[in-house]
Amino acid sequence: VGAQNAFLFEQAIKRHYGWLMASIFIISDALSMSLGAFGFGYL
């Protein structure tokens, strides 16, 4: 997923909300995977 990585990398270089962005991406992944496990992927 290149768009996420490029955006996060720039924020990390600038040391500007890098950890926050990483956490948001992780939470988004966790939420989406969990919804998929509950069957939302079929929806």
All heavy atoms as atom14 arrays in JSON, in Angstrom:
{
  "sequence": "VGAQNAFLFEQAIKRHYGWLMASIFIISDALSMSLGAFGFGYL",
  "atom14_mask": [
    [1, 1, 1, 1, 1, 1, 1, 0, 0, 0, 0, 0, 0, 0],
    [1, 1, 1, 1, 0, 0, 0, 0, 0, 0, 0, 0, 0, 0],
    [1, 1, 1, 1, 1, 0, 0, 0, 0, 0, 0, 0, 0, 0],
    [1, 1, 1, 1, 1, 1, 1, 1, 1, 0, 0, 0, 0, 0],
    [1, 1, 1, 1, 1, 1, 1, 1, 0, 0, 0, 0, 0, 0],
    [1, 1, 1, 1, 1, 0, 0, 0, 0, 0, 0, 0, 0, 0],
    [1, 1, 1, 1, 1, 1, 1, 1, 1, 1, 1, 0, 0, 0],
    [1, 1, 1, 1, 1, 1, 1, 1, 0, 0, 0, 0, 0, 0],
    [1, 1, 1, 1, 1, 1, 1, 1, 1, 1, 1, 0, 0, 0],
    [1, 1, 1, 1, 1, 1, 1, 1, 1, 0, 0, 0, 0, 0],
    [1, 1, 1, 1, 1, 1, 1, 1, 1, 0, 0, 0, 0, 0],
    [1, 1, 1, 1, 1, 0, 0, 0, 0, 0, 0, 0, 0, 0],
    [1, 1, 1, 1, 1, 1, 1, 1, 0, 0, 0, 0, 0, 0],
    [1, 1, 1, 1, 1, 1, 1, 1, 1, 0, 0, 0, 0, 0],
    [1, 1, 1, 1, 1, 1, 1, 1, 1, 1, 1, 0, 0, 0],
    [1, 1, 1, 1, 1, 1, 1, 1, 1, 1, 0, 0, 0, 0],
    [1, 1, 1, 1, 1, 1, 1, 1, 1, 1, 1, 1, 0, 0],
    [1, 1, 1, 1, 0, 0, 0, 0, 0, 0, 0, 0, 0, 0],
    [1, 1, 1, 1, 1, 1, 1, 1, 1, 1, 1, 1, 1, 1],
    [1, 1, 1, 1, 1, 1, 1, 1, 0, 0, 0, 0, 0, 0],
    [1, 1, 1, 1, 1, 1, 1, 1, 0, 0, 0, 0, 0, 0],
    [1, 1, 1, 1, 1, 0, 0, 0, 0, 0, 0, 0, 0, 0],
    [1, 1, 1, 1, 1, 1, 0, 0, 0, 0, 0, 0, 0, 0],
    [1, 1, 1, 1, 1, 1, 1, 1, 0, 0, 0, 0, 0, 0],
    [1, 1, 1, 1, 1, 1, 1, 1, 1, 1, 1, 0, 0, 0],
    [1, 1, 1, 1, 1, 1, 1, 1, 0, 0, 0, 0, 0, 0],
    [1, 1, 1, 1, 1, 1, 1, 1, 0, 0, 0, 0, 0, 0],
    [1, 1, 1, 1, 1, 1, 0, 0, 0, 0, 0, 0, 0, 0],
    [1, 1, 1, 1, 1, 1, 1, 1, 0, 0, 0, 0, 0, 0],
    [1, 1, 1, 1, 1, 0, 0, 0, 0, 0, 0, 0, 0, 0],
    [1, 1, 1, 1, 1, 1, 1, 1, 0, 0, 0, 0, 0, 0],
    [1, 1, 1, 1, 1, 1, 0, 0, 0, 0, 0, 0, 0, 0],
    [1, 1, 1, 1, 1, 1, 1, 1, 0, 0, 0, 0, 0, 0],
    [1, 1, 1, 1, 1, 1, 0, 0, 0, 0, 0, 0, 0, 0],
    [1, 1, 1, 1, 1, 1, 1, 1, 0, 0, 0, 0, 0, 0],
    [1, 1, 1, 1, 0, 0, 0, 0, 0, 0, 0, 0, 0, 0],
    [1, 1, 1, 1, 1, 0, 0, 0, 0, 0, 0, 0, 0, 0],
    [1, 1, 1, 1, 1, 1, 1, 1, 1, 1, 1, 0, 0, 0],
    [1, 1, 1, 1, 0, 0, 0, 0, 0, 0, 0, 0, 0, 0],
    [1, 1, 1, 1, 1, 1, 1, 1, 1, 1, 1, 0, 0, 0],
    [1, 1, 1, 1, 0, 0, 0, 0, 0, 0, 0, 0, 0, 0],
    [1, 1, 1, 1, 1, 1, 1, 1, 1, 1, 1, 1, 0, 0],
    [1, 1, 1, 1, 1, 1, 1, 1, 0, 0, 0, 0, 0, 0]
  ],
  "atom14_positions": [
    [[0.86, -1.2, 0.0], [0.0, 0.0, 0.0], [0.89, 1.24, 0.0], [1.23, 1.78, 1.03], [-0.94, 0.01, 1.22], [-1.89, 1.2, 1.14], [-1.74, -1.28, 1.28], [0.0, 0.0, 0.0], [0.0, 0.0, 0.0], [0.0, 0.0, 0.0], [0.0, 0.0, 0.0], [0.0, 0.0, 0.0], [0.0, 0.0, 0.0], [0.0, 0.0, 0.0]],
    [[1.3, 1.68, -1.2], [2.31, 2.72, -1.33], [1.92, 4.1, -0.84], [2.75, 4.85, -0.35], [0.0, 0.0, 0.0], [0.0, 0.0, 0.0], [0.0, 0.0, 0.0], [0.0, 0.0, 0.0], [0.0, 0.0, 0.0], [0.0, 0.0, 0.0], [0.0, 0.0, 0.0], [0.0, 0.0, 0.0], [0.0, 0.0, 0.0], [0.0, 0.0, 0.0]],
    [[0.65, 4.48, -1.0], [0.23, 5.82, -0.62], [0.4, 6.05, 0.88], [0.88, 7.09, 1.32], [-1.22, 6.05, -1.04], [0.0, 0.0, 0.0], [0.0, 0.0, 0.0], [0.0, 0.0, 0.0], [0.0, 0.0, 0.0], [0.0, 0.0, 0.0], [0.0, 0.0, 0.0], [0.0, 0.0, 0.0], [0.0, 0.0, 0.0], [0.0, 0.0, 0.0]],
    [[0.01, 5.07, 1.67], [0.18, 5.17, 3.12], [1.64, 5.28, 3.49], [2.04, 6.12, 4.3], [-0.41, 3.94, 3.81], [-1.92, 3.91, 3.94], [-2.36, 2.67, 4.71], [-1.83, 1.58, 4.52], [-3.34, 2.84, 5.55], [0.0, 0.0, 0.0], [0.0, 0.0, 0.0], [0.0, 0.0, 0.0], [0.0, 0.0, 0.0], [0.0, 0.0, 0.0]],
    [[2.45, 4.41, 2.91], [3.86, 4.37, 3.25], [4.57, 5.67, 2.92], [5.38, 6.17, 3.7], [4.54, 3.2, 2.52], [4.0, 1.85, 2.96], [3.49, 1.71, 4.05], [4.08, 0.87, 2.08], [0.0, 0.0, 0.0], [0.0, 0.0, 0.0], [0.0, 0.0, 0.0], [0.0, 0.0, 0.0], [0.0, 0.0, 0.0], [0.0, 0.0, 0.0]],
    [[4.29, 6.22, 1.73], [4.93, 7.47, 1.31], [4.54, 8.62, 2.23], [5.38, 9.44, 2.63], [4.56, 7.78, -0.14], [0.0, 0.0, 0.0], [0.0, 0.0, 0.0], [0.0, 0.0, 0.0], [0.0, 0.0, 0.0], [0.0, 0.0, 0.0], [0.0, 0.0, 0.0], [0.0, 0.0, 0.0], [0.0, 0.0, 0.0], [0.0, 0.0, 0.0]],
    [[3.26, 8.69, 2.57], [2.78, 9.76, 3.44], [3.39, 9.65, 4.84], [3.87, 10.63, 5.41], [1.25, 9.72, 3.53], [0.67, 10.78, 4.42], [0.65, 12.11, 4.03], [0.15, 10.45, 5.67], [0.12, 13.09, 4.86], [-0.38, 11.43, 6.51], [-0.38, 12.75, 6.1], [0.0, 0.0, 0.0], [0.0, 0.0, 0.0], [0.0, 0.0, 0.0]],
    [[3.37, 8.44, 5.39], [3.93, 8.23, 6.73], [5.41, 8.52, 6.76], [5.92, 9.13, 7.71], [3.67, 6.78, 7.17], [4.29, 6.37, 8.52], [3.77, 7.25, 9.65], [4.01, 4.9, 8.81], [0.0, 0.0, 0.0], [0.0, 0.0, 0.0], [0.0, 0.0, 0.0], [0.0, 0.0, 0.0], [0.0, 0.0, 0.0], [0.0, 0.0, 0.0]],
    [[6.13, 8.11, 5.72], [7.58, 8.31, 5.67], [7.92, 9.8, 5.7], [8.85, 10.22, 6.41], [8.15, 7.67, 4.4], [9.62, 7.5, 4.42], [10.24, 6.73, 5.39], [10.41, 8.11, 3.45], [11.62, 6.57, 5.41], [11.78, 7.96, 3.46], [12.39, 7.17, 4.43], [0.0, 0.0, 0.0], [0.0, 0.0, 0.0], [0.0, 0.0, 0.0]],
    [[7.15, 10.6, 4.97], [7.4, 12.04, 4.97], [7.14, 12.65, 6.34], [7.91, 13.47, 6.82], [6.52, 12.73, 3.92], [6.71, 14.23, 3.88], [5.9, 14.91, 2.78], [5.33, 14.19, 1.93], [5.85, 16.15, 2.77], [0.0, 0.0, 0.0], [0.0, 0.0, 0.0], [0.0, 0.0, 0.0], [0.0, 0.0, 0.0], [0.0, 0.0, 0.0]],
    [[6.05, 12.25, 6.98], [5.75, 12.78, 8.31], [6.81, 12.35, 9.32], [7.16, 13.11, 10.23], [4.37, 12.3, 8.77], [3.21, 12.77, 7.91], [3.22, 14.27, 7.66], [3.27, 14.72, 6.53], [3.21, 15.03, 8.73], [0.0, 0.0, 0.0], [0.0, 0.0, 0.0], [0.0, 0.0, 0.0], [0.0, 0.0, 0.0], [0.0, 0.0, 0.0]],
    [[7.32, 11.13, 9.16], [8.34, 10.63, 10.09], [9.65, 11.39, 9.92], [10.32, 11.72, 10.9], [8.56, 9.13, 9.88], [0.0, 0.0, 0.0], [0.0, 0.0, 0.0], [0.0, 0.0, 0.0], [0.0, 0.0, 0.0], [0.0, 0.0, 0.0], [0.0, 0.0, 0.0], [0.0, 0.0, 0.0], [0.0, 0.0, 0.0], [0.0, 0.0, 0.0]],
    [[10.02, 11.68, 8.66], [11.25, 12.43, 8.41], [11.16, 13.81, 9.05], [12.12, 14.3, 9.66], [11.49, 12.56, 6.89], [11.86, 11.2, 6.29], [12.61, 13.57, 6.61], [11.99, 11.22, 4.78], [0.0, 0.0, 0.0], [0.0, 0.0, 0.0], [0.0, 0.0, 0.0], [0.0, 0.0, 0.0], [0.0, 0.0, 0.0], [0.0, 0.0, 0.0]],
    [[10.0, 14.43, 8.93], [9.8, 15.75, 9.52], [9.57, 15.68, 11.03], [9.53, 16.72, 11.7], [8.59, 16.43, 8.87], [8.79, 16.81, 7.42], [7.55, 17.51, 6.87], [7.74, 17.96, 5.45], [6.56, 18.68, 4.92], [0.0, 0.0, 0.0], [0.0, 0.0, 0.0], [0.0, 0.0, 0.0], [0.0, 0.0, 0.0], [0.0, 0.0, 0.0]],
    [[9.42, 14.46, 11.55], [9.09, 14.24, 12.96], [7.83, 15.03, 13.33], [7.76, 15.71, 14.37], [10.27, 14.62, 13.87], [11.5, 13.78, 13.62], [12.48, 13.81, 14.76], [13.56, 12.84, 14.54], [14.42, 12.46, 15.45], [14.34, 12.97, 16.68], [15.37, 11.59, 15.18], [0.0, 0.0, 0.0], [0.0, 0.0, 0.0], [0.0, 0.0, 0.0]],
    [[6.84, 14.89, 12.47], [5.59, 15.64, 12.63], [4.42, 14.67, 12.61], [3.95, 14.28, 11.53], [5.47, 16.67, 11.52], [4.28, 17.59, 11.65], [4.09, 18.39, 12.76], [3.24, 17.84, 10.82], [2.98, 19.09, 12.61], [2.44, 18.78, 11.45], [0.0, 0.0, 0.0], [0.0, 0.0, 0.0], [0.0, 0.0, 0.0], [0.0, 0.0, 0.0]],
    [[3.98, 14.25, 13.79], [2.85, 13.33, 13.94], [3.1, 11.96, 13.28], [2.15, 11.28, 12.88], [1.56, 13.94, 13.37], [1.13, 15.21, 14.06], [0.96, 16.39, 13.34], [0.89, 15.23, 15.44], [0.56, 17.56, 13.97], [0.49, 16.4, 16.08], [0.33, 17.57, 15.34], [-0.05, 18.71, 15.97], [0.0, 0.0, 0.0], [0.0, 0.0, 0.0]],
    [[4.36, 11.57, 13.17], [4.67, 10.28, 12.57], [4.09, 9.12, 13.35], [3.45, 8.22, 12.79], [0.0, 0.0, 0.0], [0.0, 0.0, 0.0], [0.0, 0.0, 0.0], [0.0, 0.0, 0.0], [0.0, 0.0, 0.0], [0.0, 0.0, 0.0], [0.0, 0.0, 0.0], [0.0, 0.0, 0.0], [0.0, 0.0, 0.0], [0.0, 0.0, 0.0]],
    [[4.29, 9.13, 14.68], [3.78, 8.04, 15.52], [2.26, 8.01, 15.51], [1.64, 6.95, 15.52], [4.29, 8.18, 16.95], [5.76, 8.0, 17.1], [6.68, 8.94, 17.48], [6.51, 6.79, 16.86], [7.94, 8.41, 17.49], [7.87, 7.1, 17.13], [6.17, 5.51, 16.45], [8.88, 6.15, 16.98], [7.18, 4.57, 16.3], [8.51, 4.88, 16.56]],
    [[1.65, 9.2, 15.49], [0.18, 9.27, 15.46], [-0.35, 8.68, 14.16], [-1.32, 7.9, 14.17], [-0.27, 10.72, 15.61], [-1.78, 10.97, 15.51], [-2.51, 10.23, 16.62], [-2.09, 12.47, 15.56], [0.0, 0.0, 0.0], [0.0, 0.0, 0.0], [0.0, 0.0, 0.0], [0.0, 0.0, 0.0], [0.0, 0.0, 0.0], [0.0, 0.0, 0.0]],
    [[0.28, 9.03, 13.03], [-0.16, 8.5, 11.74], [0.02, 6.98, 11.69], [-0.84, 6.26, 11.17], [0.61, 9.16, 10.61], [0.18, 10.57, 10.29], [-1.54, 10.66, 9.73], [-2.37, 11.1, 11.25], [0.0, 0.0, 0.0], [0.0, 0.0, 0.0], [0.0, 0.0, 0.0], [0.0, 0.0, 0.0], [0.0, 0.0, 0.0], [0.0, 0.0, 0.0]],
    [[1.15, 6.51, 12.2], [1.38, 5.07, 12.22], [0.29, 4.37, 13.03], [-0.22, 3.32, 12.62], [2.76, 4.76, 12.8], [0.0, 0.0, 0.0], [0.0, 0.0, 0.0], [0.0, 0.0, 0.0], [0.0, 0.0, 0.0], [0.0, 0.0, 0.0], [0.0, 0.0, 0.0], [0.0, 0.0, 0.0], [0.0, 0.0, 0.0], [0.0, 0.0, 0.0]],
    [[-0.07, 4.96, 14.16], [-1.11, 4.37, 15.02], [-2.46, 4.36, 14.31], [-3.22, 3.38, 14.42], [-1.21, 5.16, 16.32], [0.0, 5.12, 17.05], [0.0, 0.0, 0.0], [0.0, 0.0, 0.0], [0.0, 0.0, 0.0], [0.0, 0.0, 0.0], [0.0, 0.0, 0.0], [0.0, 0.0, 0.0], [0.0, 0.0, 0.0], [0.0, 0.0, 0.0]],
    [[-2.77, 5.42, 13.58], [-4.04, 5.49, 12.85], [-4.09, 4.43, 11.75], [-5.12, 3.77, 11.55], [-4.25, 6.89, 12.26], [-4.59, 7.88, 13.4], [-5.36, 6.9, 11.2], [-4.7, 9.31, 12.95], [0.0, 0.0, 0.0], [0.0, 0.0, 0.0], [0.0, 0.0, 0.0], [0.0, 0.0, 0.0], [0.0, 0.0, 0.0], [0.0, 0.0, 0.0]],
    [[-2.97, 4.24, 11.06], [-2.92, 3.21, 10.01], [-3.09, 1.82, 10.61], [-3.76, 0.96, 10.03], [-1.61, 3.3, 9.24], [-1.47, 4.55, 8.41], [-0.23, 4.97, 7.96], [-2.58, 5.3, 8.06], [-0.09, 6.1, 7.18], [-2.46, 6.45, 7.29], [-1.2, 6.85, 6.85], [0.0, 0.0, 0.0], [0.0, 0.0, 0.0], [0.0, 0.0, 0.0]],
    [[-2.47, 1.6, 11.75], [-2.58, 0.3, 12.43], [-4.02, 0.04, 12.88], [-4.57, -1.04, 12.68], [-1.61, 0.23, 13.63], [-0.16, 0.21, 13.13], [-1.91, -1.0, 14.49], [0.86, 0.47, 14.23], [0.0, 0.0, 0.0], [0.0, 0.0, 0.0], [0.0, 0.0, 0.0], [0.0, 0.0, 0.0], [0.0, 0.0, 0.0], [0.0, 0.0, 0.0]],
    [[-4.63, 1.06, 13.49], [-6.02, 0.93, 13.95], [-6.95, 0.69, 12.76], [-7.88, -0.12, 12.83], [-6.44, 2.19, 14.74], [-5.66, 2.26, 16.06], [-7.94, 2.18, 15.01], [-5.84, 3.57, 16.81], [0.0, 0.0, 0.0], [0.0, 0.0, 0.0], [0.0, 0.0, 0.0], [0.0, 0.0, 0.0], [0.0, 0.0, 0.0], [0.0, 0.0, 0.0]],
    [[-6.68, 1.39, 11.65], [-7.51, 1.21, 10.44], [-7.38, -0.22, 9.93], [-8.39, -0.85, 9.56], [-7.07, 2.19, 9.36], [-7.32, 3.53, 9.75], [0.0, 0.0, 0.0], [0.0, 0.0, 0.0], [0.0, 0.0, 0.0], [0.0, 0.0, 0.0], [0.0, 0.0, 0.0], [0.0, 0.0, 0.0], [0.0, 0.0, 0.0], [0.0, 0.0, 0.0]],
    [[-6.16, -0.73, 9.9], [-5.96, -2.12, 9.47], [-6.68, -3.1, 10.39], [-7.35, -4.03, 9.92], [-4.46, -2.46, 9.45], [-3.76, -1.93, 8.21], [-4.45, -1.48, 7.28], [-2.51, -1.98, 8.17], [0.0, 0.0, 0.0], [0.0, 0.0, 0.0], [0.0, 0.0, 0.0], [0.0, 0.0, 0.0], [0.0, 0.0, 0.0], [0.0, 0.0, 0.0]],
    [[-6.52, -2.88, 11.69], [-7.14, -3.77, 12.67], [-8.66, -3.75, 12.53], [-9.32, -4.8, 12.57], [-6.74, -3.37, 14.08], [0.0, 0.0, 0.0], [0.0, 0.0, 0.0], [0.0, 0.0, 0.0], [0.0, 0.0, 0.0], [0.0, 0.0, 0.0], [0.0, 0.0, 0.0], [0.0, 0.0, 0.0], [0.0, 0.0, 0.0], [0.0, 0.0, 0.0]],
    [[-9.22, -2.56, 12.35], [-10.67, -2.42, 12.2], [-11.17, -3.11, 10.92], [-12.15, -3.86, 10.95], [-11.05, -0.94, 12.18], [-12.53, -0.62, 11.97], [-13.39, -1.21, 13.08], [-12.74, 0.9, 11.9], [0.0, 0.0, 0.0], [0.0, 0.0, 0.0], [0.0, 0.0, 0.0], [0.0, 0.0, 0.0], [0.0, 0.0, 0.0], [0.0, 0.0, 0.0]],
    [[-10.47, -2.86, 9.83], [-10.9, -3.43, 8.55], [-10.77, -4.95, 8.54], [-11.66, -5.65, 8.05], [-10.07, -2.82, 7.41], [-10.54, -3.25, 6.16], [0.0, 0.0, 0.0], [0.0, 0.0, 0.0], [0.0, 0.0, 0.0], [0.0, 0.0, 0.0], [0.0, 0.0, 0.0], [0.0, 0.0, 0.0], [0.0, 0.0, 0.0], [0.0, 0.0, 0.0]],
    [[-9.66, -5.47, 9.08], [-9.49, -6.93, 9.14], [-10.56, -7.57, 10.02], [-11.11, -8.62, 9.69], [-8.1, -7.28, 9.69], [-6.95, -6.98, 8.76], [-5.37, -7.44, 9.54], [-4.22, -6.52, 8.53], [0.0, 0.0, 0.0], [0.0, 0.0, 0.0], [0.0, 0.0, 0.0], [0.0, 0.0, 0.0], [0.0, 0.0, 0.0], [0.0, 0.0, 0.0]],
    [[-10.86, -6.93, 11.14], [-11.86, -7.48, 12.06], [-13.25, -7.47, 11.43], [-14.01, -8.43, 11.56], [-11.87, -6.67, 13.36], [-10.62, -6.75, 14.02], [0.0, 0.0, 0.0], [0.0, 0.0, 0.0], [0.0, 0.0, 0.0], [0.0, 0.0, 0.0], [0.0, 0.0, 0.0], [0.0, 0.0, 0.0], [0.0, 0.0, 0.0], [0.0, 0.0, 0.0]],
    [[-13.57, -6.39, 10.73], [-14.85, -6.33, 10.03], [-14.94, -7.42, 8.97], [-15.98, -8.04, 8.77], [-15.05, -4.96, 9.39], [-15.32, -3.79, 10.35], [-15.35, -2.47, 9.59], [-16.64, -4.0, 11.09], [0.0, 0.0, 0.0], [0.0, 0.0, 0.0], [0.0, 0.0, 0.0], [0.0, 0.0, 0.0], [0.0, 0.0, 0.0], [0.0, 0.0, 0.0]],
    [[-13.8, -7.66, 8.31], [-13.76, -8.72, 7.32], [-14.0, -10.08, 7.94], [-14.7, -10.93, 7.38], [0.0, 0.0, 0.0], [0.0, 0.0, 0.0], [0.0, 0.0, 0.0], [0.0, 0.0, 0.0], [0.0, 0.0, 0.0], [0.0, 0.0, 0.0], [0.0, 0.0, 0.0], [0.0, 0.0, 0.0], [0.0, 0.0, 0.0], [0.0, 0.0, 0.0]],
    [[-13.44, -10.3, 9.12], [-13.62, -11.57, 9.83], [-15.07, -11.76, 10.25], [-15.57, -12.89, 10.34], [-12.71, -11.62, 11.05], [0.0, 0.0, 0.0], [0.0, 0.0, 0.0], [0.0, 0.0, 0.0], [0.0, 0.0, 0.0], [0.0, 0.0, 0.0], [0.0, 0.0, 0.0], [0.0, 0.0, 0.0], [0.0, 0.0, 0.0], [0.0, 0.0, 0.0]],
    [[-15.77, -10.65, 10.48], [-17.19, -10.71, 10.84], [-18.09, -10.86, 9.62], [-19.31, -10.95, 9.75], [-17.59, -9.47, 11.62], [-17.23, -9.51, 13.08], [-16.37, -8.56, 13.63], [-17.73, -10.5, 13.92], [-16.03, -8.6, 14.97], [-17.4, -10.55, 15.26], [-16.55, -9.6, 15.79], [0.0, 0.0, 0.0], [0.0, 0.0, 0.0], [0.0, 0.0, 0.0]],
    [[-17.48, -10.84, 8.42], [-18.25, -11.06, 7.21], [-18.57, -9.81, 6.41], [-19.27, -9.89, 5.4], [0.0, 0.0, 0.0], [0.0, 0.0, 0.0], [0.0, 0.0, 0.0], [0.0, 0.0, 0.0], [0.0, 0.0, 0.0], [0.0, 0.0, 0.0], [0.0, 0.0, 0.0], [0.0, 0.0, 0.0], [0.0, 0.0, 0.0], [0.0, 0.0, 0.0]],
    [[-18.04, -8.65, 6.83], [-18.34, -7.42, 6.1], [-17.69, -7.39, 4.72], [-18.11, -6.64, 3.84], [-17.89, -6.19, 6.91], [-18.87, -5.77, 7.95], [-18.95, -6.44, 9.16], [-19.72, -4.7, 7.74], [-19.86, -6.06, 10.14], [-20.63, -4.31, 8.7], [-20.71, -4.99, 9.91], [0.0, 0.0, 0.0], [0.0, 0.0, 0.0], [0.0, 0.0, 0.0]],
    [[-16.65, -8.22, 4.53], [-16.01, -8.3, 3.23], [-16.98, -8.77, 2.16], [-16.96, -8.29, 1.02], [0.0, 0.0, 0.0], [0.0, 0.0, 0.0], [0.0, 0.0, 0.0], [0.0, 0.0, 0.0], [0.0, 0.0, 0.0], [0.0, 0.0, 0.0], [0.0, 0.0, 0.0], [0.0, 0.0, 0.0], [0.0, 0.0, 0.0], [0.0, 0.0, 0.0]],
    [[-17.86, -9.69, 2.53], [-18.86, -10.18, 1.59], [-19.87, -9.08, 1.25], [-20.38, -9.01, 0.13], [-19.59, -11.39, 2.17], [-18.7, -12.6, 2.32], [-18.35, -13.07, 3.58], [-18.21, -13.26, 1.2], [-17.52, -14.18, 3.73], [-17.38, -14.37, 1.33], [-17.04, -14.83, 2.59], [-16.22, -15.91, 2.73], [0.0, 0.0, 0.0], [0.0, 0.0, 0.0]],
    [[-20.14, -8.22, 2.23], [-21.05, -7.09, 1.98], [-20.45, -6.15, 0.96], [-21.15, -5.69, 0.04], [-21.33, -6.35, 3.29], [-22.17, -5.06, 3.17], [-23.56, -5.39, 2.66], [-22.24, -4.35, 4.53], [0.0, 0.0, 0.0], [0.0, 0.0, 0.0], [0.0, 0.0, 0.0], [0.0, 0.0, 0.0], [0.0, 0.0, 0.0], [0.0, 0.0, 0.0]]
  ]
}
